[in-house]
Amino acid sequence: MKKVCGLLLILLLLTACGSQETLETVADDMAVPVMAQPREISVNLPEDGEQTVVEGVSGNLYLGGDYTIAIETLEAGDLDRTVYDLTGFHKSDLTVLTTESEGVKRYEFVWATAGETGEQLGHGIILDDGNYHYCMSVLRPADAEVSQVIWYDVYHSFSLA
């Protein structure tokens, strides 16, 4: 009987030793880094390129006679993701020419794709200032007889103001 009473006494003592949950809150003032404001993009569009403009959340789409030019500003970071979003190809699947001027990296690449009206040529440029990817992509027919001089001026005029 003494053993049974001793056991009951031990069990009662053990139930009182259960752990109690303690909640703790922390009220730290965390400084959230502020991203720089996006810079302004400068580009010389073909004369008929400014006639039809579709404005979007991240940029504009310019519709010409047989081509489209998309200009958008995206958060910097994953370059492969940006290239894929513009082209449908991963960066490793394309030849990307990389240059740098005044702290801004310039990535330039081309691709071909089949469109509703036949084969299309794409030309993409990404300017990376460390905060944003400033992107221009041009899609035009592969068999177009438009002067390369016009497109040369468009591609080389794409810069940050």
Foldseek 3Di string as FASTA:
>chain_A
DVVVVVVVVVVVVVVVVDDDDDDDDDDDDDDDDDFDDDFAKWFDAPPQQPVDWDADDFFIWTDGPFKIKTKGKFFDDDPQVVVCVQPVDGPVVWDWDWDDDPQKIKTKTKDWDADPVGIKIKIKIWICNPTITTIMMMIGHPPDPDDVVNVVRRVVRTDTD
